[in-house]
């Protein structure tokens, strides 16, 4: 909830992670486009990287974090704030030409289902930037070799190291992406220097510069704690739908809406979804039993 910004990011010694993720995003994401879906947008930490897009959809499960994002970015047609469960995503088919999903997959117990929902919302040739936590990282390999870690970093099964926190083998993620008709066009390896001692002893500017060089090694193999991939939609379905309805009803899948300032009404199944001061809430219907 609301503590994520202050307890995890601001003033918590994570400038290195924030800045290296921005380096990766700028390398991978086309600078301009029609509409970008930011999955797990949180409090809008990275949203200012998407200035070249006509519209950005900030999707997150936490209404509290989206409210913080709205306070940072303001209310305008450029930003669409959506509180929703990704597994029942309300974003319509083919309405985006770009998407990002950073620091989100590690919370997904069913990664293929979550990624399929993102894929569905993307038009042909859309670009999807995905970050995932890598179980096959240098530290895990060394720990396994000296028998300090029982589970193998080379096993392709996702590893739940604490409840609802998953690390993934790169090939597992690549296989899922390929099955969804993505072509993986670039891989960057991030956060090799995510070590408390280094972060305290070496100026952040230096760490970021070295990390920016090391990121390129992802082309040969990713053994870093964090991996970024650029993925391009190869198939011609769903068709591009930039001017169609933005939402589809999570209850019935219809896209025929009646909207006022307080709610979206689905004309097909008569379900009402709240609009709470500019934030669309698709987590549960207003008129649920």
C-alpha atoms as a PDB file:
ATOM      1  CA  UNK A   1       0.000   0.000   0.000  1.00  0.00           C
ATOM      2  CA  UNK A   2       0.984   3.576   0.670  1.00  0.00           C
ATOM      3  CA  UNK A   3       4.237   2.756   2.496  1.00  0.00           C
ATOM      4  CA  UNK A   4       5.901   1.378  -0.653  1.00  0.00           C
ATOM      5  CA  UNK A   5       7.235   4.773  -1.782  1.00  0.00           C
ATOM      6  CA  UNK A   6       8.743   5.841   1.556  1.00  0.00           C
ATOM      7  CA  UNK A   7       9.672   2.425   2.957  1.00  0.00           C
ATOM      8  CA  UNK A   8      11.240   0.999  -0.202  1.00  0.00           C
ATOM      9  CA  UNK A   9      12.290   3.853  -2.508  1.00  0.00           C
ATOM     10  CA  UNK A  10      12.649   7.351  -1.148  1.00  0.00           C
ATOM     11  CA  UNK A  11      15.661   7.835   1.117  1.00  0.00           C
ATOM     12  CA  UNK A  12      16.274   4.082   1.257  1.00  0.00           C
ATOM     13  CA  UNK A  13      19.572   3.941  -0.669  1.00  0.00           C
ATOM     14  CA  UNK A  14      17.940   2.716  -3.866  1.00  0.00           C
ATOM     15  CA  UNK A  15      19.091   5.505  -6.193  1.00  0.00           C
ATOM     16  CA  UNK A  16      21.351   2.965  -7.933  1.00  0.00           C
ATOM     17  CA  UNK A  17      18.434   0.654  -8.757  1.00  0.00           C
ATOM     18  CA  UNK A  18      16.191   3.526  -9.851  1.00  0.00           C
ATOM     19  CA  UNK A  19      18.782   5.087 -12.131  1.00  0.00           C
ATOM     20  CA  UNK A  20      19.944   1.829 -13.740  1.00  0.00           C
ATOM     21  CA  UNK A  21      16.326   0.902 -14.504  1.00  0.00           C
ATOM     22  CA  UNK A  22      15.918   4.244 -16.256  1.00  0.00           C
ATOM     23  CA  UNK A  23      19.082   3.561 -18.289  1.00  0.00           C
ATOM     24  CA  UNK A  24      17.609   0.222 -19.376  1.00  0.00           C
ATOM     25  CA  UNK A  25      14.204   1.698 -20.212  1.00  0.00           C
ATOM     26  CA  UNK A  26      15.740   4.398 -22.408  1.00  0.00           C
ATOM     27  CA  UNK A  27      17.738   1.754 -24.271  1.00  0.00           C
ATOM     28  CA  UNK A  28      14.814  -0.563 -24.879  1.00  0.00           C
ATOM     29  CA  UNK A  29      11.630   1.466 -25.226  1.00  0.00           C
ATOM     30  CA  UNK A  30      10.759   3.410 -28.394  1.00  0.00           C
ATOM     31  CA  UNK A  31      10.819   7.084 -27.324  1.00  0.00           C
ATOM     32  CA  UNK A  32       7.432   7.856 -28.879  1.00  0.00           C
ATOM     33  CA  UNK A  33       4.116   6.113 -29.383  1.00  0.00           C
ATOM     34  CA  UNK A  34       0.344   6.248 -29.137  1.00  0.00           C
ATOM     35  CA  UNK A  35      -0.568   4.575 -25.851  1.00  0.00           C
ATOM     36  CA  UNK A  36       1.566   2.813 -23.249  1.00  0.00           C
ATOM     37  CA  UNK A  37       0.288   0.415 -20.590  1.00  0.00           C
ATOM     38  CA  UNK A  38       2.362   0.645 -17.398  1.00  0.00           C
ATOM     39  CA  UNK A  39       1.614  -2.546 -15.463  1.00  0.00           C
ATOM     40  CA  UNK A  40       2.330  -2.145 -11.769  1.00  0.00           C
ATOM     41  CA  UNK A  41       2.754   1.612 -12.120  1.00  0.00           C
ATOM     42  CA  UNK A  42       2.642   2.076  -8.342  1.00  0.00           C
ATOM     43  CA  UNK A  43       3.141   5.696  -7.309  1.00  0.00           C
ATOM     44  CA  UNK A  44       4.344   6.660 -10.801  1.00  0.00           C
ATOM     45  CA  UNK A  45       8.072   6.358 -10.069  1.00  0.00           C
ATOM     46  CA  UNK A  46       9.000   5.674 -13.721  1.00  0.00           C
ATOM     47  CA  UNK A  47       6.037   7.292 -15.513  1.00  0.00           C
ATOM     48  CA  UNK A  48       7.999  10.445 -16.388  1.00  0.00           C
ATOM     49  CA  UNK A  49      10.101   8.250 -18.724  1.00  0.00           C
ATOM     50  CA  UNK A  50       7.089   7.964 -21.058  1.00  0.00           C
ATOM     51  CA  UNK A  51       6.778  11.617 -22.076  1.00  0.00           C
ATOM     52  CA  UNK A  52       6.821  10.711 -25.785  1.00  0.00           C
ATOM     53  CA  UNK A  53       3.540   8.744 -25.548  1.00  0.00           C
ATOM     54  CA  UNK A  54       0.184  10.369 -26.280  1.00  0.00           C
ATOM     55  CA  UNK A  55      -1.414   8.488 -23.387  1.00  0.00           C
ATOM     56  CA  UNK A  56      -0.234   6.334 -20.475  1.00  0.00           C
ATOM     57  CA  UNK A  57      -2.450   3.850 -18.624  1.00  0.00           C
ATOM     58  CA  UNK A  58      -1.220   3.405 -15.048  1.00  0.00           C
ATOM     59  CA  UNK A  59      -2.497   0.028 -13.867  1.00  0.00           C
ATOM     60  CA  UNK A  60      -1.955  -1.150 -10.306  1.00  0.00           C
ATOM     61  CA  UNK A  61      -3.827  -3.196  -7.708  1.00  0.00           C
ATOM     62  CA  UNK A  62      -3.302  -0.492  -5.077  1.00  0.00           C
ATOM     63  CA  UNK A  63      -5.710   2.453  -5.268  1.00  0.00           C
ATOM     64  CA  UNK A  64      -3.598   4.189  -2.600  1.00  0.00           C
ATOM     65  CA  UNK A  65      -0.463   4.119  -4.752  1.00  0.00           C
ATOM     66  CA  UNK A  66      -2.433   5.275  -7.811  1.00  0.00           C
ATOM     67  CA  UNK A  67      -3.724   8.215  -5.769  1.00  0.00           C
ATOM     68  CA  UNK A  68      -0.078   9.124  -5.021  1.00  0.00           C
ATOM     69  CA  UNK A  69       0.699   8.831  -8.745  1.00  0.00           C
ATOM     70  CA  UNK A  70      -2.249  11.090  -9.547  1.00  0.00           C
ATOM     71  CA  UNK A  71      -0.961  13.677  -7.061  1.00  0.00           C
ATOM     72  CA  UNK A  72       2.474  13.563  -8.746  1.00  0.00           C
ATOM     73  CA  UNK A  73       1.291  13.612 -12.353  1.00  0.00           C
ATOM     74  CA  UNK A  74      -2.058  15.381 -12.154  1.00  0.00           C
ATOM     75  CA  UNK A  75      -5.443  14.723 -13.722  1.00  0.00           C
ATOM     76  CA  UNK A  76      -5.498  14.921 -17.507  1.00  0.00           C
ATOM     77  CA  UNK A  77      -6.519  12.849 -20.524  1.00  0.00           C
ATOM     78  CA  UNK A  78      -2.847  11.841 -20.897  1.00  0.00           C
ATOM     79  CA  UNK A  79      -2.970   9.678 -17.786  1.00  0.00           C
ATOM     80  CA  UNK A  80      -5.571   6.971 -17.173  1.00  0.00           C
ATOM     81  CA  UNK A  81      -5.489   5.576 -13.619  1.00  0.00           C
ATOM     82  CA  UNK A  82      -6.796   2.015 -13.316  1.00  0.00           C
ATOM     83  CA  UNK A  83      -7.038  -0.060 -10.119  1.00  0.00           C
ATOM     84  CA  UNK A  84      -7.410  -3.693 -11.178  1.00  0.00           C
ATOM     85  CA  UNK A  85      -6.315  -7.277 -10.743  1.00  0.00           C
ATOM     86  CA  UNK A  86      -3.999  -8.065 -13.671  1.00  0.00           C
ATOM     87  CA  UNK A  87      -5.406 -11.590 -13.995  1.00  0.00           C
ATOM     88  CA  UNK A  88      -8.785  -9.972 -14.786  1.00  0.00           C
ATOM     89  CA  UNK A  89      -7.363  -7.007 -16.688  1.00  0.00           C
ATOM     90  CA  UNK A  90      -9.999  -4.521 -17.884  1.00  0.00           C
ATOM     91  CA  UNK A  91      -7.778  -3.182 -20.687  1.00  0.00           C
ATOM     92  CA  UNK A  92      -9.323  -3.902 -24.089  1.00  0.00           C
ATOM     93  CA  UNK A  93      -7.650  -5.951 -26.847  1.00  0.00           C
ATOM     94  CA  UNK A  94      -5.115  -4.253 -29.129  1.00  0.00           C
ATOM     95  CA  UNK A  95      -5.425  -0.743 -27.662  1.00  0.00           C
ATOM     96  CA  UNK A  96      -1.719  -0.175 -26.821  1.00  0.00           C
ATOM     97  CA  UNK A  97       1.451   0.016 -28.910  1.00  0.00           C
ATOM     98  CA  UNK A  98       3.737  -0.306 -25.879  1.00  0.00           C
ATOM     99  CA  UNK A  99       3.748  -1.769 -22.370  1.00  0.00           C
ATOM    100  CA  UNK A 100       6.122  -1.996 -19.432  1.00  0.00           C
ATOM    101  CA  UNK A 101       6.071  -4.422 -16.514  1.00  0.00           C
ATOM    102  CA  UNK A 102       8.878  -3.691 -14.048  1.00  0.00           C
ATOM    103  CA  UNK A 103       9.183  -5.205 -10.540  1.00  0.00           C
ATOM    104  CA  UNK A 104       5.823  -6.916 -10.977  1.00  0.00           C
ATOM    105  CA  UNK A 105       6.337 -10.438 -12.324  1.00  0.00           C
ATOM    106  CA  UNK A 106       7.971 -11.545  -9.061  1.00  0.00           C
ATOM    107  CA  UNK A 107       4.545 -11.151  -7.387  1.00  0.00           C
ATOM    108  CA  UNK A 108       2.764 -13.352  -9.952  1.00  0.00           C
ATOM    109  CA  UNK A 109       2.021 -16.948  -8.972  1.00  0.00           C
ATOM    110  CA  UNK A 110       0.784 -17.610 -12.537  1.00  0.00           C
ATOM    111  CA  UNK A 111       3.251 -15.723 -14.717  1.00  0.00           C
ATOM    112  CA  UNK A 112       1.944 -17.109 -18.057  1.00  0.00           C
ATOM    113  CA  UNK A 113      -1.621 -15.965 -17.271  1.00  0.00           C
ATOM    114  CA  UNK A 114      -0.441 -12.505 -16.195  1.00  0.00           C
ATOM    115  CA  UNK A 115       1.708 -12.057 -19.305  1.00  0.00           C
ATOM    116  CA  UNK A 116      -1.134 -13.269 -21.546  1.00  0.00           C
ATOM    117  CA  UNK A 117      -3.321 -10.440 -20.207  1.00  0.00           C
ATOM    118  CA  UNK A 118      -0.674  -7.856 -21.111  1.00  0.00           C
ATOM    119  CA  UNK A 119      -0.168  -9.458 -24.525  1.00  0.00           C
ATOM    120  CA  UNK A 120      -3.897  -9.290 -25.284  1.00  0.00           C
ATOM    121  CA  UNK A 121      -3.902  -5.502 -24.932  1.00  0.00           C
ATOM    122  CA  UNK A 122      -1.052  -5.015 -27.411  1.00  0.00           C
ATOM    123  CA  UNK A 123      -1.387  -4.271 -31.125  1.00  0.00           C
ATOM    124  CA  UNK A 124       0.774  -5.951 -33.797  1.00  0.00           C
ATOM    125  CA  UNK A 125       4.441  -4.826 -33.625  1.00  0.00           C
ATOM    126  CA  UNK A 126       3.881  -3.352 -30.153  1.00  0.00           C
ATOM    127  CA  UNK A 127       6.900  -3.306 -27.849  1.00  0.00           C
ATOM    128  CA  UNK A 128       6.744  -4.823 -24.358  1.00  0.00           C
ATOM    129  CA  UNK A 129       9.509  -4.155 -21.806  1.00  0.00           C
ATOM    130  CA  UNK A 130       9.541  -6.844 -19.110  1.00  0.00           C
ATOM    131  CA  UNK A 131      11.727  -6.986 -16.000  1.00  0.00           C
ATOM    132  CA  UNK A 132      12.038 -10.124 -13.915  1.00  0.00           C
ATOM    133  CA  UNK A 133      13.992 -11.314 -10.888  1.00  0.00           C
ATOM    134  CA  UNK A 134      16.557 -13.869 -12.038  1.00  0.00           C
ATOM    135  CA  UNK A 135      17.024 -17.076 -10.008  1.00  0.00           C
ATOM    136  CA  UNK A 136      20.117 -17.924 -12.106  1.00  0.00           C
ATOM    137  CA  UNK A 137      22.212 -15.095 -10.694  1.00  0.00           C
ATOM    138  CA  UNK A 138      25.886 -15.169  -9.709  1.00  0.00           C
ATOM    139  CA  UNK A 139      25.229 -15.099  -5.954  1.00  0.00           C
ATOM    140  CA  UNK A 140      22.719 -17.980  -6.142  1.00  0.00           C
ATOM    141  CA  UNK A 141      25.090 -20.047  -8.296  1.00  0.00           C
ATOM    142  CA  UNK A 142      27.977 -19.559  -5.846  1.00  0.00           C
ATOM    143  CA  UNK A 143      25.763 -20.332  -2.845  1.00  0.00           C
ATOM    144  CA  UNK A 144      24.547 -23.501  -4.552  1.00  0.00           C
ATOM    145  CA  UNK A 145      28.085 -24.614  -5.419  1.00  0.00           C
ATOM    146  CA  UNK A 146      29.230 -24.332  -1.790  1.00  0.00           C
ATOM    147  CA  UNK A 147      25.985 -25.997  -0.616  1.00  0.00           C
ATOM    148  CA  UNK A 148      24.648 -22.912   1.125  1.00  0.00           C
ATOM    149  CA  UNK A 149      21.513 -23.048  -1.060  1.00  0.00           C
ATOM    150  CA  UNK A 150      19.557 -26.243  -1.622  1.00  0.00           C
ATOM    151  CA  UNK A 151      17.472 -25.266  -4.651  1.00  0.00           C
ATOM    152  CA  UNK A 152      19.296 -25.207  -7.961  1.00  0.00           C
ATOM    153  CA  UNK A 153      19.546 -21.878  -9.808  1.00  0.00           C
ATOM    154  CA  UNK A 154      19.664 -23.943 -13.017  1.00  0.00           C
ATOM    155  CA  UNK A 155      16.253 -25.532 -12.464  1.00  0.00           C
ATOM    156  CA  UNK A 156      13.695 -23.827 -14.707  1.00  0.00           C
ATOM    157  CA  UNK A 157      10.777 -23.952 -12.271  1.00  0.00           C
ATOM    158  CA  UNK A 158       9.911 -20.547 -10.730  1.00  0.00           C
ATOM    159  CA  UNK A 159      11.207 -20.276  -7.155  1.00  0.00           C
ATOM    160  CA  UNK A 160       8.905 -18.904  -4.447  1.00  0.00           C
ATOM    161  CA  UNK A 161      11.505 -17.821  -1.874  1.00  0.00           C
ATOM    162  CA  UNK A 162       8.970 -16.132   0.396  1.00  0.00           C
ATOM    163  CA  UNK A 163       5.206 -16.113   0.001  1.00  0.00           C
ATOM    164  CA  UNK A 164       4.193 -14.530  -3.335  1.00  0.00           C
ATOM    165  CA  UNK A 165       7.756 -13.546  -4.214  1.00  0.00           C
ATOM    166  CA  UNK A 166       9.088 -15.456  -7.205  1.00  0.00           C
ATOM    167  CA  UNK A 167      12.440 -15.621  -8.962  1.00  0.00           C
ATOM    168  CA  UNK A 168      12.502 -16.951 -12.526  1.00  0.00           C
ATOM    169  CA  UNK A 169      14.967 -18.820 -14.697  1.00  0.00           C
ATOM    170  CA  UNK A 170      15.558 -16.689 -17.831  1.00  0.00           C
ATOM    171  CA  UNK A 171      14.747 -19.554 -20.199  1.00  0.00           C
ATOM    172  CA  UNK A 172      11.423 -20.143 -18.436  1.00  0.00           C
ATOM    173  CA  UNK A 173      10.457 -16.501 -19.065  1.00  0.00           C
ATOM    174  CA  UNK A 174      11.734 -16.572 -22.664  1.00  0.00           C
ATOM    175  CA  UNK A 175       9.671 -19.698 -23.371  1.00  0.00           C
ATOM    176  CA  UNK A 176       6.508 -18.066 -22.000  1.00  0.00           C
ATOM    177  CA  UNK A 177       7.129 -14.921 -24.055  1.00  0.00           C
ATOM    178  CA  UNK A 178       7.705 -16.968 -27.219  1.00  0.00           C
ATOM    179  CA  UNK A 179       4.493 -18.921 -26.632  1.00  0.00           C
ATOM    180  CA  UNK A 180       2.633 -15.589 -26.590  1.00  0.00           C
ATOM    181  CA  UNK A 181       4.028 -14.580 -30.028  1.00  0.00           C
ATOM    182  CA  UNK A 182       6.643 -12.187 -28.706  1.00  0.00           C
ATOM    183  CA  UNK A 183      10.042 -12.012 -30.359  1.00  0.00           C
ATOM    184  CA  UNK A 184      12.697 -11.258 -27.732  1.00  0.00           C
ATOM    185  CA  UNK A 185      14.862  -8.668 -29.465  1.00  0.00           C
ATOM    186  CA  UNK A 186      17.168  -7.592 -26.641  1.00  0.00           C
ATOM    187  CA  UNK A 187      18.195  -8.685 -23.138  1.00  0.00           C
ATOM    188  CA  UNK A 188      19.908  -6.440 -20.568  1.00  0.00           C
ATOM    189  CA  UNK A 189      21.472  -7.692 -17.318  1.00  0.00           C
ATOM    190  CA  UNK A 190      20.982  -5.273 -14.398  1.00  0.00           C
ATOM    191  CA  UNK A 191      22.106  -4.835 -10.801  1.00  0.00           C
ATOM    192  CA  UNK A 192      25.321  -6.859 -10.763  1.00  0.00           C
ATOM    193  CA  UNK A 193      26.519  -4.216  -8.276  1.00  0.00           C
ATOM    194  CA  UNK A 194      23.495  -4.505  -5.965  1.00  0.00           C
ATOM    195  CA  UNK A 195      25.701  -5.173  -2.940  1.00  0.00           C
ATOM    196  CA  UNK A 196      25.279  -3.150   0.249  1.00  0.00           C
ATOM    197  CA  UNK A 197      29.028  -2.715   0.780  1.00  0.00           C
ATOM    198  CA  UNK A 198      29.603  -1.422  -2.768  1.00  0.00           C
ATOM    199  CA  UNK A 199      26.620   0.907  -2.605  1.00  0.00           C
ATOM    200  CA  UNK A 200      27.946   2.430   0.622  1.00  0.00           C
ATOM    201  CA  UNK A 201      31.601   2.675  -0.483  1.00  0.00           C
ATOM    202  CA  UNK A 202      31.358   3.799  -4.111  1.00  0.00           C
ATOM    203  CA  UNK A 203      29.596   6.949  -5.414  1.00  0.00           C
ATOM    204  CA  UNK A 204      26.272   6.155  -7.069  1.00  0.00           C
ATOM    205  CA  UNK A 205      27.316   7.918 -10.294  1.00  0.00           C
ATOM    206  CA  UNK A 206      30.192   5.464 -10.710  1.00  0.00           C
ATOM    207  CA  UNK A 207      28.018   2.454  -9.932  1.00  0.00           C
ATOM    208  CA  UNK A 208      25.459   3.542 -12.526  1.00  0.00           C
ATOM    209  CA  UNK A 209      28.134   4.056 -15.189  1.00  0.00           C
ATOM    210  CA  UNK A 210      29.621   0.606 -14.602  1.00  0.00           C
ATOM    211  CA  UNK A 211      26.182  -1.020 -14.477  1.00  0.00           C
ATOM    212  CA  UNK A 212      25.279   0.677 -17.768  1.00  0.00           C
ATOM    213  CA  UNK A 213      28.287  -1.051 -19.389  1.00  0.00           C
ATOM    214  CA  UNK A 214      27.582  -4.414 -17.746  1.00  0.00           C
ATOM    215  CA  UNK A 215      23.947  -4.320 -18.907  1.00  0.00           C
ATOM    216  CA  UNK A 216      25.104  -5.190 -22.428  1.00  0.00           C
ATOM    217  CA  UNK A 217      26.404  -8.582 -21.239  1.00  0.00           C
ATOM    218  CA  UNK A 218      22.780  -9.723 -21.214  1.00  0.00           C
ATOM    219  CA  UNK A 219      23.249 -10.411 -24.932  1.00  0.00           C
ATOM    220  CA  UNK A 220      25.526 -13.341 -24.032  1.00  0.00           C
ATOM    221  CA  UNK A 221      23.767 -14.546 -20.896  1.00  0.00           C
ATOM    222  CA  UNK A 222      22.013 -13.067 -17.904  1.00  0.00           C
ATOM    223  CA  UNK A 223      23.465 -13.970 -14.496  1.00  0.00           C
ATOM    224  CA  UNK A 224      22.385 -10.723 -12.822  1.00  0.00           C
ATOM    225  CA  UNK A 225      19.741 -10.306 -10.097  1.00  0.00           C
ATOM    226  CA  UNK A 226      17.478  -8.390 -12.485  1.00  0.00           C
ATOM    227  CA  UNK A 227      16.871  -8.905 -16.213  1.00  0.00           C
ATOM    228  CA  UNK A 228      15.176  -6.555 -18.692  1.00  0.00           C
ATOM    229  CA  UNK A 229      13.866  -7.858 -22.019  1.00  0.00           C
ATOM    230  CA  UNK A 230      12.511  -6.049 -25.068  1.00  0.00           C
ATOM    231  CA  UNK A 231       9.784  -8.076 -26.747  1.00  0.00           C
ATOM    232  CA  UNK A 232       7.972  -7.312 -29.997  1.00  0.00           C
ATOM    233  CA  UNK A 233       4.519  -8.666 -30.917  1.00  0.00           C
ATOM    234  CA  UNK A 234       4.873 -10.838 -34.022  1.00  0.00           C
ATOM    235  CA  UNK A 235       1.315 -11.916 -34.801  1.00  0.00           C
ATOM    236  CA  UNK A 236      -1.348  -9.809 -36.520  1.00  0.00           C
ATOM    237  CA  UNK A 237      -4.001 -10.452 -33.864  1.00  0.00           C
ATOM    238  CA  UNK A 238      -5.521  -8.807 -32.013  1.00  0.00           C
ATOM    239  CA  UNK A 239      -5.774  -6.015 -34.569  1.00  0.00           C
ATOM    240  CA  UNK A 240      -4.720  -2.495 -33.618  1.00  0.00           C
ATOM    241  CA  UNK A 241      -7.639  -0.839 -31.861  1.00  0.00           C
ATOM    242  CA  UNK A 242      -6.327   2.580 -30.830  1.00  0.00           C
ATOM    243  CA  UNK A 243      -9.630   4.375 -31.396  1.00  0.00           C
ATOM    244  CA  UNK A 244     -11.924   1.721 -29.897  1.00  0.00           C
ATOM    245  CA  UNK A 245     -13.144   1.471 -26.294  1.00  0.00           C
ATOM    246  CA  UNK A 246     -10.261   1.439 -23.802  1.00  0.00           C
ATOM    247  CA  UNK A 247     -11.906  -0.999 -21.389  1.00  0.00           C
ATOM    248  CA  UNK A 248     -13.558  -4.388 -21.576  1.00  0.00           C
ATOM    249  CA  UNK A 249     -15.771  -5.591 -18.747  1.00  0.00           C
ATOM    250  CA  UNK A 250     -13.881  -7.995 -16.434  1.00  0.00           C
ATOM    251  CA  UNK A 251     -17.223  -9.646 -15.668  1.00  0.00           C
ATOM    252  CA  UNK A 252     -18.445 -10.443 -19.194  1.00  0.00           C
ATOM    253  CA  UNK A 253     -15.828  -9.174 -21.678  1.00  0.00           C
ATOM    254  CA  UNK A 254     -18.161  -6.675 -23.381  1.00  0.00           C
ATOM    255  CA  UNK A 255     -16.989  -3.210 -24.459  1.00  0.00           C
ATOM    256  CA  UNK A 256     -20.334  -1.360 -24.606  1.00  0.00           C
ATOM    257  CA  UNK A 257     -20.249   1.243 -21.833  1.00  0.00           C
ATOM    258  CA  UNK A 258     -22.284   4.062 -20.367  1.00  0.00           C
ATOM    259  CA  UNK A 259     -20.014   6.409 -18.410  1.00  0.00           C
ATOM    260  CA  UNK A 260     -20.698   9.217 -15.978  1.00  0.00           C
ATOM    261  CA  UNK A 261     -18.356  10.937 -13.525  1.00  0.00           C
ATOM    262  CA  UNK A 262     -18.846   8.292 -10.811  1.00  0.00           C
ATOM    263  CA  UNK A 263     -19.160   4.979 -12.644  1.00  0.00           C
ATOM    264  CA  UNK A 264     -18.844   2.897 -15.781  1.00  0.00           C
ATOM    265  CA  UNK A 265     -21.977   0.877 -16.553  1.00  0.00           C
ATOM    266  CA  UNK A 266     -21.634  -2.257 -18.708  1.00  0.00           C
ATOM    267  CA  UNK A 267     -24.638  -2.295 -21.036  1.00  0.00           C
ATOM    268  CA  UNK A 268     -24.198  -6.029 -21.625  1.00  0.00           C
ATOM    269  CA  UNK A 269     -24.227  -7.470 -18.070  1.00  0.00           C
ATOM    270  CA  UNK A 270     -25.458  -4.376 -16.155  1.00  0.00           C
ATOM    271  CA  UNK A 271     -22.380  -4.374 -13.906  1.00  0.00           C
ATOM    272  CA  UNK A 272     -21.290  -1.012 -12.494  1.00  0.00           C
ATOM    273  CA  UNK A 273     -17.630  -0.174 -11.875  1.00  0.00           C
ATOM    274  CA  UNK A 274     -16.678   2.819  -9.743  1.00  0.00           C
ATOM    275  CA  UNK A 275     -14.765   5.892 -10.873  1.00  0.00           C
ATOM    276  CA  UNK A 276     -13.309   7.335  -7.676  1.00  0.00           C
ATOM    277  CA  UNK A 277     -12.110  10.897  -8.230  1.00  0.00           C
ATOM    278  CA  UNK A 278     -10.540  10.049 -11.574  1.00  0.00           C
ATOM    279  CA  UNK A 279      -9.384   6.501 -10.735  1.00  0.00           C
ATOM    280  CA  UNK A 280     -11.221   3.623 -12.430  1.00  0.00           C
ATOM    281  CA  UNK A 281     -11.763   0.804  -9.924  1.00  0.00           C
ATOM    282  CA  UNK A 282     -12.168  -2.599 -11.582  1.00  0.00           C
ATOM    283  CA  UNK A 283     -11.244  -4.669  -8.524  1.00  0.00           C
ATOM    284  CA  UNK A 284     -14.864  -5.449  -7.644  1.00  0.00           C
ATOM    285  CA  UNK A 285     -18.180  -4.146  -9.017  1.00  0.00           C
ATOM    286  CA  UNK A 286     -20.238  -1.567  -7.148  1.00  0.00           C
ATOM    287  CA  UNK A 287     -23.315  -3.756  -7.327  1.00  0.00           C
ATOM    288  CA  UNK A 288     -21.641  -7.000  -6.283  1.00  0.00           C
ATOM    289  CA  UNK A 289     -23.739  -9.249  -4.067  1.00  0.00           C
END
